[in-house]
Amino acid sequence: MRPAARLTLLTALALALPALALACPACKNALADDPSAQGFARGIYLSILLMLGVLFSLVGFFIWKLVRMARDEAPSPGR
């Protein structure tokens, strides 16, 4: 099967099965008023916070590493 045909088939399946879209923001807002779905909405909120935390941690680590490498490469005043 060609990649374009595979992509078309997967897109058609995703549109045909709305149950796969339970994690979308619109579904989260629709379920927010349902008291039995509060745990689901909180889970989505916490997963977003986790992803943002990982992103900022990785960016901070690489900036820290670049600064440290630059300091190690710089000649000291006594040399």
N, C-alpha and C. Protein backbone atom coordinates (compact mmCIF):
# COMPACT_ATOMS: atom_id res chain seq x y z
N MET A 1 0.84 -1.17 0.00
CA MET A 1 0.00 0.00 0.00
C MET A 1 0.89 1.25 0.00
N ARG A 2 0.53 2.20 -0.82
CA ARG A 2 1.32 3.43 -0.92
C ARG A 2 1.11 4.29 0.33
N PRO A 3 2.12 5.10 0.67
CA PRO A 3 1.98 5.95 1.87
C PRO A 3 0.80 6.91 1.81
N ALA A 4 0.51 7.46 0.64
CA ALA A 4 -0.61 8.39 0.52
C ALA A 4 -1.93 7.68 0.77
N ALA A 5 -2.07 6.45 0.25
CA ALA A 5 -3.29 5.69 0.46
C ALA A 5 -3.43 5.30 1.93
N ARG A 6 -2.32 4.97 2.56
CA ARG A 6 -2.35 4.62 3.98
C ARG A 6 -2.78 5.81 4.82
N LEU A 7 -2.25 6.98 4.51
CA LEU A 7 -2.62 8.19 5.24
C LEU A 7 -4.10 8.52 5.05
N THR A 8 -4.59 8.36 3.82
CA THR A 8 -6.00 8.61 3.55
C THR A 8 -6.88 7.65 4.33
N LEU A 9 -6.49 6.40 4.37
CA LEU A 9 -7.27 5.40 5.10
C LEU A 9 -7.28 5.70 6.60
N LEU A 10 -6.14 6.05 7.15
CA LEU A 10 -6.07 6.38 8.58
C LEU A 10 -6.89 7.62 8.91
N THR A 11 -6.86 8.61 8.03
CA THR A 11 -7.65 9.82 8.24
C THR A 11 -9.14 9.50 8.22
N ALA A 12 -9.55 8.67 7.26
CA ALA A 12 -10.97 8.29 7.17
C ALA A 12 -11.40 7.53 8.42
N LEU A 13 -10.55 6.65 8.91
CA LEU A 13 -10.89 5.91 10.13
C LEU A 13 -11.00 6.84 11.34
N ALA A 14 -10.10 7.79 11.44
CA ALA A 14 -10.12 8.73 12.56
C ALA A 14 -11.39 9.58 12.54
N LEU A 15 -11.83 9.96 11.35
CA LEU A 15 -13.05 10.76 11.25
C LEU A 15 -14.29 9.92 11.46
N ALA A 16 -14.22 8.65 11.11
CA ALA A 16 -15.38 7.77 11.24
C ALA A 16 -15.59 7.30 12.68
N LEU A 17 -14.56 7.31 13.48
CA LEU A 17 -14.66 6.81 14.85
C LEU A 17 -14.48 7.96 15.84
N PRO A 18 -15.54 8.68 16.16
CA PRO A 18 -15.40 9.82 17.07
C PRO A 18 -15.00 9.41 18.48
N ALA A 19 -15.13 8.15 18.83
CA ALA A 19 -14.72 7.72 20.17
C ALA A 19 -13.22 7.87 20.37
N LEU A 20 -12.47 7.93 19.28
CA LEU A 20 -11.02 8.11 19.39
C LEU A 20 -10.66 9.53 19.81
N ALA A 21 -11.61 10.45 19.73
CA ALA A 21 -11.34 11.85 20.02
C ALA A 21 -11.71 12.24 21.44
N LEU A 22 -11.74 11.30 22.37
CA LEU A 22 -12.15 11.61 23.74
C LEU A 22 -11.21 12.56 24.45
N ALA A 23 -9.96 12.64 24.02
CA ALA A 23 -8.99 13.48 24.72
C ALA A 23 -8.89 14.88 24.12
N CYS A 24 -9.74 15.24 23.20
CA CYS A 24 -9.65 16.57 22.60
C CYS A 24 -10.17 17.63 23.58
N PRO A 25 -9.73 18.87 23.45
CA PRO A 25 -10.17 19.92 24.38
C PRO A 25 -11.68 20.16 24.36
N ALA A 26 -12.32 20.02 23.20
CA ALA A 26 -13.76 20.23 23.15
C ALA A 26 -14.49 19.17 23.97
N CYS A 27 -14.00 17.93 23.90
CA CYS A 27 -14.62 16.87 24.70
C CYS A 27 -14.39 17.11 26.19
N LYS A 28 -13.22 17.61 26.52
CA LYS A 28 -12.92 17.91 27.92
C LYS A 28 -13.90 18.95 28.45
N ASN A 29 -14.16 19.99 27.65
CA ASN A 29 -15.09 21.04 28.09
C ASN A 29 -16.51 20.50 28.20
N ALA A 30 -16.88 19.60 27.30
CA ALA A 30 -18.23 19.03 27.35
C ALA A 30 -18.40 18.17 28.58
N LEU A 31 -17.35 17.49 29.00
CA LEU A 31 -17.43 16.61 30.16
C LEU A 31 -17.20 17.35 31.48
N ALA A 32 -16.78 18.60 31.42
CA ALA A 32 -16.46 19.33 32.64
C ALA A 32 -17.68 19.55 33.52
N ASP A 33 -18.86 19.64 32.91
CA ASP A 33 -20.08 19.87 33.69
C ASP A 33 -20.63 18.59 34.30
N ASP A 34 -20.16 17.46 33.84
CA ASP A 34 -20.64 16.17 34.35
C ASP A 34 -19.86 15.81 35.60
N PRO A 35 -20.50 15.69 36.76
CA PRO A 35 -19.78 15.39 37.99
C PRO A 35 -19.02 14.07 37.96
N SER A 36 -19.53 13.11 37.21
CA SER A 36 -18.84 11.82 37.16
C SER A 36 -17.61 11.86 36.28
N ALA A 37 -17.43 12.93 35.49
CA ALA A 37 -16.29 13.02 34.58
C ALA A 37 -15.22 13.98 35.10
N GLN A 38 -15.32 14.41 36.34
CA GLN A 38 -14.34 15.35 36.88
C GLN A 38 -12.95 14.74 36.91
N GLY A 39 -12.84 13.46 37.19
CA GLY A 39 -11.54 12.80 37.20
C GLY A 39 -10.90 12.78 35.82
N PHE A 40 -11.72 12.61 34.80
CA PHE A 40 -11.21 12.62 33.42
C PHE A 40 -10.66 14.00 33.07
N ALA A 41 -11.39 15.05 33.39
CA ALA A 41 -10.93 16.41 33.09
C ALA A 41 -9.66 16.73 33.88
N ARG A 42 -9.60 16.30 35.13
CA ARG A 42 -8.40 16.54 35.93
C ARG A 42 -7.21 15.77 35.37
N GLY A 43 -7.44 14.59 34.87
CA GLY A 43 -6.36 13.81 34.26
C GLY A 43 -5.79 14.49 33.03
N ILE A 44 -6.65 15.07 32.22
CA ILE A 44 -6.18 15.80 31.05
C ILE A 44 -5.37 17.02 31.48
N TYR A 45 -5.86 17.73 32.48
CA TYR A 45 -5.16 18.91 33.00
C TYR A 45 -3.77 18.54 33.51
N LEU A 46 -3.69 17.46 34.28
CA LEU A 46 -2.40 17.05 34.83
C LEU A 46 -1.45 16.56 33.74
N SER A 47 -1.98 15.91 32.71
CA SER A 47 -1.11 15.45 31.63
C SER A 47 -0.53 16.63 30.85
N ILE A 48 -1.31 17.68 30.69
CA ILE A 48 -0.81 18.89 30.02
C ILE A 48 0.30 19.52 30.86
N LEU A 49 0.09 19.60 32.17
CA LEU A 49 1.12 20.15 33.05
C LEU A 49 2.40 19.31 33.00
N LEU A 50 2.25 18.00 32.96
CA LEU A 50 3.40 17.11 32.88
C LEU A 50 4.18 17.34 31.59
N MET A 51 3.47 17.44 30.47
CA MET A 51 4.15 17.66 29.19
C MET A 51 4.87 19.01 29.16
N LEU A 52 4.24 20.04 29.72
CA LEU A 52 4.90 21.34 29.77
C LEU A 52 6.13 21.30 30.68
N GLY A 53 6.02 20.59 31.80
CA GLY A 53 7.15 20.46 32.71
C GLY A 53 8.33 19.75 32.05
N VAL A 54 8.05 18.71 31.30
CA VAL A 54 9.12 17.99 30.60
C VAL A 54 9.75 18.90 29.55
N LEU A 55 8.94 19.63 28.82
CA LEU A 55 9.47 20.55 27.80
C LEU A 55 10.40 21.59 28.42
N PHE A 56 9.94 22.25 29.49
CA PHE A 56 10.76 23.29 30.10
C PHE A 56 12.00 22.70 30.79
N SER A 57 11.89 21.51 31.30
CA SER A 57 13.06 20.86 31.90
C SER A 57 14.11 20.55 30.85
N LEU A 58 13.69 20.04 29.71
CA LEU A 58 14.65 19.74 28.64
C LEU A 58 15.31 21.01 28.11
N VAL A 59 14.53 22.03 27.89
CA VAL A 59 15.10 23.30 27.40
C VAL A 59 16.06 23.86 28.43
N GLY A 60 15.68 23.85 29.70
CA GLY A 60 16.56 24.34 30.75
C GLY A 60 17.84 23.54 30.86
N PHE A 61 17.74 22.22 30.71
CA PHE A 61 18.94 21.38 30.77
C PHE A 61 19.90 21.72 29.64
N PHE A 62 19.39 21.86 28.43
CA PHE A 62 20.27 22.16 27.30
C PHE A 62 20.88 23.55 27.41
N ILE A 63 20.14 24.52 27.91
CA ILE A 63 20.72 25.85 28.12
C ILE A 63 21.80 25.78 29.18
N TRP A 64 21.54 25.07 30.28
CA TRP A 64 22.54 24.92 31.34
C TRP A 64 23.79 24.24 30.79
N LYS A 65 23.60 23.21 29.98
CA LYS A 65 24.74 22.47 29.43
C LYS A 65 25.54 23.36 28.47
N LEU A 66 24.89 24.15 27.65
CA LEU A 66 25.60 25.04 26.74
C LEU A 66 26.38 26.11 27.50
N VAL A 67 25.78 26.66 28.54
CA VAL A 67 26.49 27.67 29.34
C VAL A 67 27.70 27.03 30.01
N ARG A 68 27.53 25.85 30.53
CA ARG A 68 28.64 25.16 31.20
C ARG A 68 29.77 24.83 30.21
N MET A 69 29.40 24.39 29.01
CA MET A 69 30.42 24.11 27.99
C MET A 69 31.15 25.38 27.58
N ALA A 70 30.42 26.50 27.48
CA ALA A 70 31.05 27.77 27.11
C ALA A 70 32.02 28.23 28.21
N ARG A 71 31.65 28.03 29.45
CA ARG A 71 32.54 28.42 30.55
C ARG A 71 33.80 27.55 30.59
N ASP A 72 33.65 26.28 30.28
CA ASP A 72 34.81 25.38 30.27
C ASP A 72 35.76 25.71 29.13
N GLU A 73 35.25 26.21 28.01
CA GLU A 73 36.07 26.55 26.86
C GLU A 73 36.76 27.90 27.01
N ALA A 74 36.20 28.76 27.81
CA ALA A 74 36.75 30.11 27.96
C ALA A 74 38.07 30.03 28.73
N PRO A 75 39.09 30.79 28.28
CA PRO A 75 40.36 30.78 29.01
C PRO A 75 40.23 31.49 30.36
N SER A 76 40.90 30.97 31.34
CA SER A 76 40.85 31.58 32.67
C SER A 76 41.78 32.81 32.69
N PRO A 77 41.53 33.81 33.56
CA PRO A 77 42.32 35.03 33.58
C PRO A 77 43.80 34.78 33.95
N GLY A 78 44.10 33.70 34.62
CA GLY A 78 45.47 33.43 35.03
C GLY A 78 46.34 32.84 33.93
N ARG A 79 45.81 32.49 32.80
CA ARG A 79 46.60 31.85 31.74
C ARG A 79 47.20 32.81 30.81
